[in-house]
Amino acid sequence: MGSLRIIKKDIDFLVSEVISDCWVFMYINPDKKTDDAIAVINDAVALRNDLYNRVNAHPTENVKKHYKAVTMDLLKGVDELFVRVSNLTK
């Protein structure tokens, strides 16, 4: 298990990449599915806030299991968001 600082940096980096891809999509395609891209951004921010709250919860038991679950939820959530961004171009 890495430190909490590393987990938080991973959360920030991956979520910011999703948001960046949405902004690039909206910049390249100003008239195409802007509302859907904004919805993906809002979901990315909600995912970030949820994961930060879970990281800051500091469980007393099964600490490694808790942070591993947070990391897996981060990867799964960001993957779903990237799939949604990819589907915007279709």
PDB file of N, CA and C in Angstrom:
ATOM      1  N   MET A   1       0.843  -1.179   0.000  1.00  0.00           N
ATOM      2  CA  MET A   1       0.000   0.000   0.000  1.00  0.00           C
ATOM      3  C   MET A   1       0.884   1.236   0.000  1.00  0.00           C
ATOM      4  N   GLY A   2       0.556   2.173  -0.858  1.00  0.00           N
ATOM      5  CA  GLY A   2       1.298   3.422  -0.905  1.00  0.00           C
ATOM      6  C   GLY A   2       0.795   4.378   0.156  1.00  0.00           C
ATOM      7  N   SER A   3       1.425   5.503   0.217  1.00  0.00           N
ATOM      8  CA  SER A   3       1.000   6.491   1.196  1.00  0.00           C
ATOM      9  C   SER A   3      -0.292   7.167   0.726  1.00  0.00           C
ATOM     10  N   LEU A   4      -0.961   7.802   1.637  1.00  0.00           N
ATOM     11  CA  LEU A   4      -2.203   8.498   1.300  1.00  0.00           C
ATOM     12  C   LEU A   4      -1.943   9.616   0.310  1.00  0.00           C
ATOM     13  N   ARG A   5      -0.801  10.233   0.403  1.00  0.00           N
ATOM     14  CA  ARG A   5      -0.460  11.318  -0.511  1.00  0.00           C
ATOM     15  C   ARG A   5      -0.390  10.800  -1.943  1.00  0.00           C
ATOM     16  N   ILE A   6       0.176   9.616  -2.124  1.00  0.00           N
ATOM     17  CA  ILE A   6       0.291   9.036  -3.463  1.00  0.00           C
ATOM     18  C   ILE A   6      -1.094   8.660  -3.996  1.00  0.00           C
ATOM     19  N   ILE A   7      -1.936   8.101  -3.142  1.00  0.00           N
ATOM     20  CA  ILE A   7      -3.292   7.745  -3.559  1.00  0.00           C
ATOM     21  C   ILE A   7      -4.059   9.000  -3.973  1.00  0.00           C
ATOM     22  N   LYS A   8      -3.926  10.065  -3.209  1.00  0.00           N
ATOM     23  CA  LYS A   8      -4.615  11.312  -3.546  1.00  0.00           C
ATOM     24  C   LYS A   8      -4.073  11.911  -4.843  1.00  0.00           C
ATOM     25  N   LYS A   9      -2.767  11.812  -5.060  1.00  0.00           N
ATOM     26  CA  LYS A   9      -2.187  12.308  -6.310  1.00  0.00           C
ATOM     27  C   LYS A   9      -2.697  11.495  -7.494  1.00  0.00           C
ATOM     28  N   ASP A  10      -2.818  10.181  -7.325  1.00  0.00           N
ATOM     29  CA  ASP A  10      -3.360   9.340  -8.388  1.00  0.00           C
ATOM     30  C   ASP A  10      -4.796   9.724  -8.720  1.00  0.00           C
ATOM     31  N   ILE A  11      -5.593   9.960  -7.685  1.00  0.00           N
ATOM     32  CA  ILE A  11      -6.982  10.372  -7.894  1.00  0.00           C
ATOM     33  C   ILE A  11      -7.019  11.675  -8.673  1.00  0.00           C
ATOM     34  N   ASP A  12      -6.250  12.651  -8.230  1.00  0.00           N
ATOM     35  CA  ASP A  12      -6.243  13.954  -8.900  1.00  0.00           C
ATOM     36  C   ASP A  12      -5.758  13.842 -10.342  1.00  0.00           C
ATOM     37  N   PHE A  13      -4.705  13.077 -10.567  1.00  0.00           N
ATOM     38  CA  PHE A  13      -4.150  12.963 -11.912  1.00  0.00           C
ATOM     39  C   PHE A  13      -5.138  12.316 -12.875  1.00  0.00           C
ATOM     40  N   LEU A  14      -5.705  11.169 -12.475  1.00  0.00           N
ATOM     41  CA  LEU A  14      -6.583  10.444 -13.386  1.00  0.00           C
ATOM     42  C   LEU A  14      -7.875  11.206 -13.662  1.00  0.00           C
ATOM     43  N   VAL A  15      -8.440  11.819 -12.638  1.00  0.00           N
ATOM     44  CA  VAL A  15      -9.660  12.592 -12.846  1.00  0.00           C
ATOM     45  C   VAL A  15      -9.376  13.824 -13.702  1.00  0.00           C
ATOM     46  N   SER A  16      -8.232  14.454 -13.492  1.00  0.00           N
ATOM     47  CA  SER A  16      -7.905  15.623 -14.315  1.00  0.00           C
ATOM     48  C   SER A  16      -7.676  15.226 -15.772  1.00  0.00           C
ATOM     49  N   GLU A  17      -7.189  14.021 -16.027  1.00  0.00           N
ATOM     50  CA  GLU A  17      -7.031  13.549 -17.405  1.00  0.00           C
ATOM     51  C   GLU A  17      -8.393  13.369 -18.079  1.00  0.00           C
ATOM     52  N   VAL A  18      -9.358  12.847 -17.353  1.00  0.00           N
ATOM     53  CA  VAL A  18     -10.708  12.705 -17.908  1.00  0.00           C
ATOM     54  C   VAL A  18     -11.273  14.078 -18.241  1.00  0.00           C
ATOM     55  N   ILE A  19     -11.148  15.005 -17.307  1.00  0.00           N
ATOM     56  CA  ILE A  19     -11.668  16.354 -17.523  1.00  0.00           C
ATOM     57  C   ILE A  19     -10.951  17.025 -18.690  1.00  0.00           C
ATOM     58  N   SER A  20      -9.661  16.834 -18.781  1.00  0.00           N
ATOM     59  CA  SER A  20      -8.885  17.402 -19.883  1.00  0.00           C
ATOM     60  C   SER A  20      -9.358  16.849 -21.229  1.00  0.00           C
ATOM     61  N   ASP A  21      -9.599  15.551 -21.285  1.00  0.00           N
ATOM     62  CA  ASP A  21     -10.096  14.964 -22.531  1.00  0.00           C
ATOM     63  C   ASP A  21     -11.462  15.524 -22.907  1.00  0.00           C
ATOM     64  N   CYS A  22     -12.306  15.765 -21.916  1.00  0.00           N
ATOM     65  CA  CYS A  22     -13.612  16.362 -22.194  1.00  0.00           C
ATOM     66  C   CYS A  22     -13.458  17.776 -22.738  1.00  0.00           C
ATOM     67  N   TRP A  23     -12.559  18.552 -22.147  1.00  0.00           N
ATOM     68  CA  TRP A  23     -12.335  19.920 -22.634  1.00  0.00           C
ATOM     69  C   TRP A  23     -11.784  19.911 -24.050  1.00  0.00           C
ATOM     70  N   VAL A  24     -10.891  18.991 -24.352  1.00  0.00           N
ATOM     71  CA  VAL A  24     -10.347  18.885 -25.709  1.00  0.00           C
ATOM     72  C   VAL A  24     -11.464  18.521 -26.681  1.00  0.00           C
ATOM     73  N   PHE A  25     -12.318  17.580 -26.298  1.00  0.00           N
ATOM     74  CA  PHE A  25     -13.449  17.208 -27.149  1.00  0.00           C
ATOM     75  C   PHE A  25     -14.346  18.408 -27.418  1.00  0.00           C
ATOM     76  N   MET A  26     -14.652  19.182 -26.371  1.00  0.00           N
ATOM     77  CA  MET A  26     -15.527  20.341 -26.551  1.00  0.00           C
ATOM     78  C   MET A  26     -14.840  21.425 -27.379  1.00  0.00           C
ATOM     79  N   TYR A  27     -13.532  21.540 -27.285  1.00  0.00           N
ATOM     80  CA  TYR A  27     -12.804  22.536 -28.067  1.00  0.00           C
ATOM     81  C   TYR A  27     -12.783  22.156 -29.543  1.00  0.00           C
ATOM     82  N   ILE A  28     -12.556  20.874 -29.821  1.00  0.00           N
ATOM     83  CA  ILE A  28     -12.478  20.415 -31.200  1.00  0.00           C
ATOM     84  C   ILE A  28     -13.867  20.357 -31.843  1.00  0.00           C
ATOM     85  N   ASN A  29     -14.869  19.976 -31.071  1.00  0.00           N
ATOM     86  CA  ASN A  29     -16.234  19.831 -31.573  1.00  0.00           C
ATOM     87  C   ASN A  29     -17.170  20.763 -30.806  1.00  0.00           C
ATOM     88  N   PRO A  30     -17.155  22.053 -31.101  1.00  0.00           N
ATOM     89  CA  PRO A  30     -17.941  22.993 -30.287  1.00  0.00           C
ATOM     90  C   PRO A  30     -19.451  22.806 -30.392  1.00  0.00           C
ATOM     91  N   ASP A  31     -19.938  22.218 -31.463  1.00  0.00           N
ATOM     92  CA  ASP A  31     -21.380  22.071 -31.641  1.00  0.00           C
ATOM     93  C   ASP A  31     -21.868  20.642 -31.445  1.00  0.00           C
ATOM     94  N   LYS A  32     -21.032  19.769 -30.949  1.00  0.00           N
ATOM     95  CA  LYS A  32     -21.369  18.350 -30.908  1.00  0.00           C
ATOM     96  C   LYS A  32     -21.338  17.813 -29.474  1.00  0.00           C
ATOM     97  N   LYS A  33     -22.475  17.462 -28.932  1.00  0.00           N
ATOM     98  CA  LYS A  33     -22.619  16.762 -27.647  1.00  0.00           C
ATOM     99  C   LYS A  33     -21.912  17.470 -26.483  1.00  0.00           C
ATOM    100  N   THR A  34     -22.009  18.763 -26.414  1.00  0.00           N
ATOM    101  CA  THR A  34     -21.379  19.514 -25.334  1.00  0.00           C
ATOM    102  C   THR A  34     -22.006  19.173 -23.987  1.00  0.00           C
ATOM    103  N   ASP A  35     -23.321  18.995 -23.973  1.00  0.00           N
ATOM    104  CA  ASP A  35     -24.001  18.664 -22.714  1.00  0.00           C
ATOM    105  C   ASP A  35     -23.555  17.308 -22.177  1.00  0.00           C
ATOM    106  N   ASP A  36     -23.322  16.358 -23.072  1.00  0.00           N
ATOM    107  CA  ASP A  36     -22.843  15.046 -22.631  1.00  0.00           C
ATOM    108  C   ASP A  36     -21.436  15.132 -22.053  1.00  0.00           C
ATOM    109  N   ALA A  37     -20.593  15.965 -22.652  1.00  0.00           N
ATOM    110  CA  ALA A  37     -19.225  16.141 -22.149  1.00  0.00           C
ATOM    111  C   ALA A  37     -19.250  16.809 -20.773  1.00  0.00           C
ATOM    112  N   ILE A  38     -20.137  17.769 -20.598  1.00  0.00           N
ATOM    113  CA  ILE A  38     -20.269  18.425 -19.288  1.00  0.00           C
ATOM    114  C   ILE A  38     -20.774  17.435 -18.247  1.00  0.00           C
ATOM    115  N   ALA A  39     -21.654  16.528 -18.650  1.00  0.00           N
ATOM    116  CA  ALA A  39     -22.140  15.495 -17.724  1.00  0.00           C
ATOM    117  C   ALA A  39     -20.998  14.573 -17.298  1.00  0.00           C
ATOM    118  N   VAL A  40     -20.094  14.250 -18.216  1.00  0.00           N
ATOM    119  CA  VAL A  40     -18.943  13.409 -17.874  1.00  0.00           C
ATOM    120  C   VAL A  40     -18.032  14.155 -16.895  1.00  0.00           C
ATOM    121  N   ILE A  41     -17.850  15.451 -17.125  1.00  0.00           N
ATOM    122  CA  ILE A  41     -17.032  16.253 -16.203  1.00  0.00           C
ATOM    123  C   ILE A  41     -17.650  16.268 -14.814  1.00  0.00           C
ATOM    124  N   ASN A  42     -18.960  16.461 -14.749  1.00  0.00           N
ATOM    125  CA  ASN A  42     -19.642  16.470 -13.444  1.00  0.00           C
ATOM    126  C   ASN A  42     -19.513  15.126 -12.740  1.00  0.00           C
ATOM    127  N   ASP A  43     -19.621  14.032 -13.488  1.00  0.00           N
ATOM    128  CA  ASP A  43     -19.458  12.704 -12.890  1.00  0.00           C
ATOM    129  C   ASP A  43     -18.024  12.470 -12.433  1.00  0.00           C
ATOM    130  N   ALA A  44     -17.062  13.018 -13.167  1.00  0.00           N
ATOM    131  CA  ALA A  44     -15.654  12.884 -12.767  1.00  0.00           C
ATOM    132  C   ALA A  44     -15.398  13.621 -11.456  1.00  0.00           C
ATOM    133  N   VAL A  45     -15.966  14.805 -11.324  1.00  0.00           N
ATOM    134  CA  VAL A  45     -15.796  15.574 -10.089  1.00  0.00           C
ATOM    135  C   VAL A  45     -16.483  14.853  -8.928  1.00  0.00           C
ATOM    136  N   ALA A  46     -17.648  14.284  -9.180  1.00  0.00           N
ATOM    137  CA  ALA A  46     -18.351  13.532  -8.131  1.00  0.00           C
ATOM    138  C   ALA A  46     -17.541  12.303  -7.711  1.00  0.00           C
ATOM    139  N   LEU A  47     -16.928  11.618  -8.682  1.00  0.00           N
ATOM    140  CA  LEU A  47     -16.077  10.467  -8.367  1.00  0.00           C
ATOM    141  C   LEU A  47     -14.888  10.895  -7.520  1.00  0.00           C
ATOM    142  N   ARG A  48     -14.259  12.003  -7.890  1.00  0.00           N
ATOM    143  CA  ARG A  48     -13.115  12.506  -7.130  1.00  0.00           C
ATOM    144  C   ARG A  48     -13.508  12.822  -5.697  1.00  0.00           C
ATOM    145  N   ASN A  49     -14.615  13.510  -5.525  1.00  0.00           N
ATOM    146  CA  ASN A  49     -15.065  13.880  -4.181  1.00  0.00           C
ATOM    147  C   ASN A  49     -15.390  12.647  -3.344  1.00  0.00           C
ATOM    148  N   ASP A  50     -16.044  11.657  -3.963  1.00  0.00           N
ATOM    149  CA  ASP A  50     -16.380  10.428  -3.249  1.00  0.00           C
ATOM    150  C   ASP A  50     -15.125   9.684  -2.821  1.00  0.00           C
ATOM    151  N   LEU A  51     -14.156   9.572  -3.727  1.00  0.00           N
ATOM    152  CA  LEU A  51     -12.923   8.856  -3.393  1.00  0.00           C
ATOM    153  C   LEU A  51     -12.115   9.586  -2.327  1.00  0.00           C
ATOM    154  N   TYR A  52     -12.084  10.914  -2.402  1.00  0.00           N
ATOM    155  CA  TYR A  52     -11.384  11.686  -1.373  1.00  0.00           C
ATOM    156  C   TYR A  52     -12.034  11.484  -0.003  1.00  0.00           C
ATOM    157  N   ASN A  53     -13.351  11.471   0.041  1.00  0.00           N
ATOM    158  CA  ASN A  53     -14.044  11.241   1.312  1.00  0.00           C
ATOM    159  C   ASN A  53     -13.727   9.857   1.854  1.00  0.00           C
ATOM    160  N   ARG A  54     -13.657   8.869   0.978  1.00  0.00           N
ATOM    161  CA  ARG A  54     -13.335   7.515   1.421  1.00  0.00           C
ATOM    162  C   ARG A  54     -11.888   7.405   1.889  1.00  0.00           C
ATOM    163  N   VAL A  55     -10.971   8.099   1.227  1.00  0.00           N
ATOM    164  CA  VAL A  55      -9.562   8.062   1.631  1.00  0.00           C
ATOM    165  C   VAL A  55      -9.396   8.732   2.986  1.00  0.00           C
ATOM    166  N   ASN A  56     -10.103   9.819   3.201  1.00  0.00           N
ATOM    167  CA  ASN A  56      -9.981  10.564   4.452  1.00  0.00           C
ATOM    168  C   ASN A  56     -10.748   9.930   5.614  1.00  0.00           C
ATOM    169  N   ALA A  57     -11.478   8.846   5.383  1.00  0.00           N
ATOM    170  CA  ALA A  57     -12.288   8.223   6.421  1.00  0.00           C
ATOM    171  C   ALA A  57     -11.439   7.521   7.484  1.00  0.00           C
ATOM    172  N   HIS A  58     -10.231   7.075   7.157  1.00  0.00           N
ATOM    173  CA  HIS A  58      -9.318   6.408   8.093  1.00  0.00           C
ATOM    174  C   HIS A  58      -9.994   5.270   8.868  1.00  0.00           C
ATOM    175  N   PRO A  59     -10.164   4.117   8.233  1.00  0.00           N
ATOM    176  CA  PRO A  59     -10.775   2.982   8.939  1.00  0.00           C
ATOM    177  C   PRO A  59      -9.854   2.450  10.034  1.00  0.00           C
ATOM    178  N   THR A  60     -10.442   1.817  11.029  1.00  0.00           N
ATOM    179  CA  THR A  60      -9.640   1.262  12.123  1.00  0.00           C
ATOM    180  C   THR A  60      -9.253  -0.188  11.862  1.00  0.00           C
ATOM    181  N   GLU A  61     -10.047  -0.892  11.071  1.00  0.00           N
ATOM    182  CA  GLU A  61      -9.744  -2.286  10.759  1.00  0.00           C
ATOM    183  C   GLU A  61      -9.665  -2.464   9.246  1.00  0.00           C
ATOM    184  N   ASN A  62      -8.909  -3.455   8.831  1.00  0.00           N
ATOM    185  CA  ASN A  62      -8.763  -3.777   7.409  1.00  0.00           C
ATOM    186  C   ASN A  62      -8.337  -2.566   6.583  1.00  0.00           C
ATOM    187  N   VAL A  63      -7.308  -1.902   7.017  1.00  0.00           N
ATOM    188  CA  VAL A  63      -6.852  -0.673   6.368  1.00  0.00           C
ATOM    189  C   VAL A  63      -6.387  -0.954   4.938  1.00  0.00           C
ATOM    190  N   LYS A  64      -5.577  -1.984   4.762  1.00  0.00           N
ATOM    191  CA  LYS A  64      -5.084  -2.301   3.422  1.00  0.00           C
ATOM    192  C   LYS A  64      -6.230  -2.654   2.485  1.00  0.00           C
ATOM    193  N   LYS A  65      -7.177  -3.408   2.987  1.00  0.00           N
ATOM    194  CA  LYS A  65      -8.329  -3.802   2.176  1.00  0.00           C
ATOM    195  C   LYS A  65      -9.143  -2.570   1.770  1.00  0.00           C
ATOM    196  N   HIS A  66      -9.303  -1.629   2.688  1.00  0.00           N
ATOM    197  CA  HIS A  66     -10.065  -0.401   2.410  1.00  0.00           C
ATOM    198  C   HIS A  66      -9.398   0.410   1.306  1.00  0.00           C
ATOM    199  N   TYR A  67      -8.101   0.646   1.420  1.00  0.00           N
ATOM    200  CA  TYR A  67      -7.409   1.465   0.428  1.00  0.00           C
ATOM    201  C   TYR A  67      -7.251   0.734  -0.907  1.00  0.00           C
ATOM    202  N   LYS A  68      -7.166  -0.588  -0.883  1.00  0.00           N
ATOM    203  CA  LYS A  68      -7.133  -1.334  -2.129  1.00  0.00           C
ATOM    204  C   LYS A  68      -8.475  -1.210  -2.837  1.00  0.00           C
ATOM    205  N   ALA A  69      -9.571  -1.241  -2.082  1.00  0.00           N
ATOM    206  CA  ALA A  69     -10.897  -1.067  -2.674  1.00  0.00           C
ATOM    207  C   ALA A  69     -11.049   0.334  -3.259  1.00  0.00           C
ATOM    208  N   VAL A  70     -10.511   1.333  -2.577  1.00  0.00           N
ATOM    209  CA  VAL A  70     -10.558   2.706  -3.099  1.00  0.00           C
ATOM    210  C   VAL A  70      -9.789   2.792  -4.411  1.00  0.00           C
ATOM    211  N   THR A  71      -8.622   2.173  -4.459  1.00  0.00           N
ATOM    212  CA  THR A  71      -7.811   2.194  -5.674  1.00  0.00           C
ATOM    213  C   THR A  71      -8.519   1.471  -6.815  1.00  0.00           C
ATOM    214  N   MET A  72      -9.129   0.336  -6.533  1.00  0.00           N
ATOM    215  CA  MET A  72      -9.846  -0.402  -7.577  1.00  0.00           C
ATOM    216  C   MET A  72     -11.055   0.396  -8.071  1.00  0.00           C
ATOM    217  N   ASP A  73     -11.765   1.049  -7.164  1.00  0.00           N
ATOM    218  CA  ASP A  73     -12.905   1.878  -7.565  1.00  0.00           C
ATOM    219  C   ASP A  73     -12.451   3.073  -8.401  1.00  0.00           C
ATOM    220  N   LEU A  74     -11.283   3.609  -8.081  1.00  0.00           N
ATOM    221  CA  LEU A  74     -10.713   4.694  -8.874  1.00  0.00           C
ATOM    222  C   LEU A  74     -10.460   4.222 -10.300  1.00  0.00           C
ATOM    223  N   LEU A  75      -9.787   3.096 -10.447  1.00  0.00           N
ATOM    224  CA  LEU A  75      -9.462   2.598 -11.778  1.00  0.00           C
ATOM    225  C   LEU A  75     -10.714   2.232 -12.568  1.00  0.00           C
ATOM    226  N   LYS A  76     -11.659   1.597 -11.903  1.00  0.00           N
ATOM    227  CA  LYS A  76     -12.894   1.212 -12.574  1.00  0.00           C
ATOM    228  C   LYS A  76     -13.712   2.441 -12.974  1.00  0.00           C
ATOM    229  N   GLY A  77     -13.813   3.413 -12.077  1.00  0.00           N
ATOM    230  CA  GLY A  77     -14.585   4.624 -12.358  1.00  0.00           C
ATOM    231  C   GLY A  77     -13.970   5.455 -13.469  1.00  0.00           C
ATOM    232  N   VAL A  78     -12.654   5.606 -13.451  1.00  0.00           N
ATOM    233  CA  VAL A  78     -11.988   6.385 -14.489  1.00  0.00           C
ATOM    234  C   VAL A  78     -12.086   5.668 -15.832  1.00  0.00           C
ATOM    235  N   ASP A  79     -11.988   4.354 -15.831  1.00  0.00           N
ATOM    236  CA  ASP A  79     -12.130   3.598 -17.073  1.00  0.00           C
ATOM    237  C   ASP A  79     -13.517   3.807 -17.672  1.00  0.00           C
ATOM    238  N   GLU A  80     -14.546   3.769 -16.848  1.00  0.00           N
ATOM    239  CA  GLU A  80     -15.905   4.005 -17.334  1.00  0.00           C
ATOM    240  C   GLU A  80     -16.056   5.421 -17.893  1.00  0.00           C
ATOM    241  N   LEU A  81     -15.436   6.384 -17.244  1.00  0.00           N
ATOM    242  CA  LEU A  81     -15.508   7.760 -17.737  1.00  0.00           C
ATOM    243  C   LEU A  81     -14.784   7.913 -19.070  1.00  0.00           C
ATOM    244  N   PHE A  82     -13.634   7.266 -19.215  1.00  0.00           N
ATOM    245  CA  PHE A  82     -12.916   7.330 -20.489  1.00  0.00           C
ATOM    246  C   PHE A  82     -13.716   6.662 -21.608  1.00  0.00           C
ATOM    247  N   VAL A  83     -14.423   5.598 -21.283  1.00  0.00           N
ATOM    248  CA  VAL A  83     -15.276   4.947 -22.286  1.00  0.00           C
ATOM    249  C   VAL A  83     -16.387   5.900 -22.711  1.00  0.00           C
ATOM    250  N   ARG A  84     -16.972   6.618 -21.755  1.00  0.00           N
ATOM    251  CA  ARG A  84     -18.019   7.592 -22.094  1.00  0.00           C
ATOM    252  C   ARG A  84     -17.467   8.711 -22.967  1.00  0.00           C
ATOM    253  N   VAL A  85     -16.248   9.174 -22.679  1.00  0.00           N
ATOM    254  CA  VAL A  85     -15.636  10.208 -23.512  1.00  0.00           C
ATOM    255  C   VAL A  85     -15.380   9.662 -24.914  1.00  0.00           C
ATOM    256  N   SER A  86     -14.935   8.438 -25.024  1.00  0.00           N
ATOM    257  CA  SER A  86     -14.698   7.826 -26.331  1.00  0.00           C
ATOM    258  C   SER A  86     -16.002   7.691 -27.127  1.00  0.00           C
ATOM    259  N   ASN A  87     -17.078   7.382 -26.432  1.00  0.00           N
ATOM    260  CA  ASN A  87     -18.365   7.230 -27.109  1.00  0.00           C
ATOM    261  C   ASN A  87     -18.930   8.572 -27.583  1.00  0.00           C
ATOM    262  N   LEU A  88     -18.436   9.661 -27.069  1.00  0.00           N
ATOM    263  CA  LEU A  88     -18.906  10.969 -27.526  1.00  0.00           C
ATOM    264  C   LEU A  88     -18.524  11.219 -28.979  1.00  0.00           C
ATOM    265  N   THR A  89     -17.434  10.639 -29.411  1.00  0.00           N
ATOM    266  CA  THR A  89     -16.952  10.903 -30.767  1.00  0.00           C
ATOM    267  C   THR A  89     -17.696  10.097 -31.825  1.00  0.00           C
ATOM    268  N   LYS A  90     -18.494   9.141 -31.417  1.00  0.00           N
ATOM    269  CA  LYS A  90     -19.229   8.310 -32.387  1.00  0.00           C
ATOM    270  C   LYS A  90     -20.450   9.022 -32.896  1.00  0.00           C
TER     271      LYS A  90
END
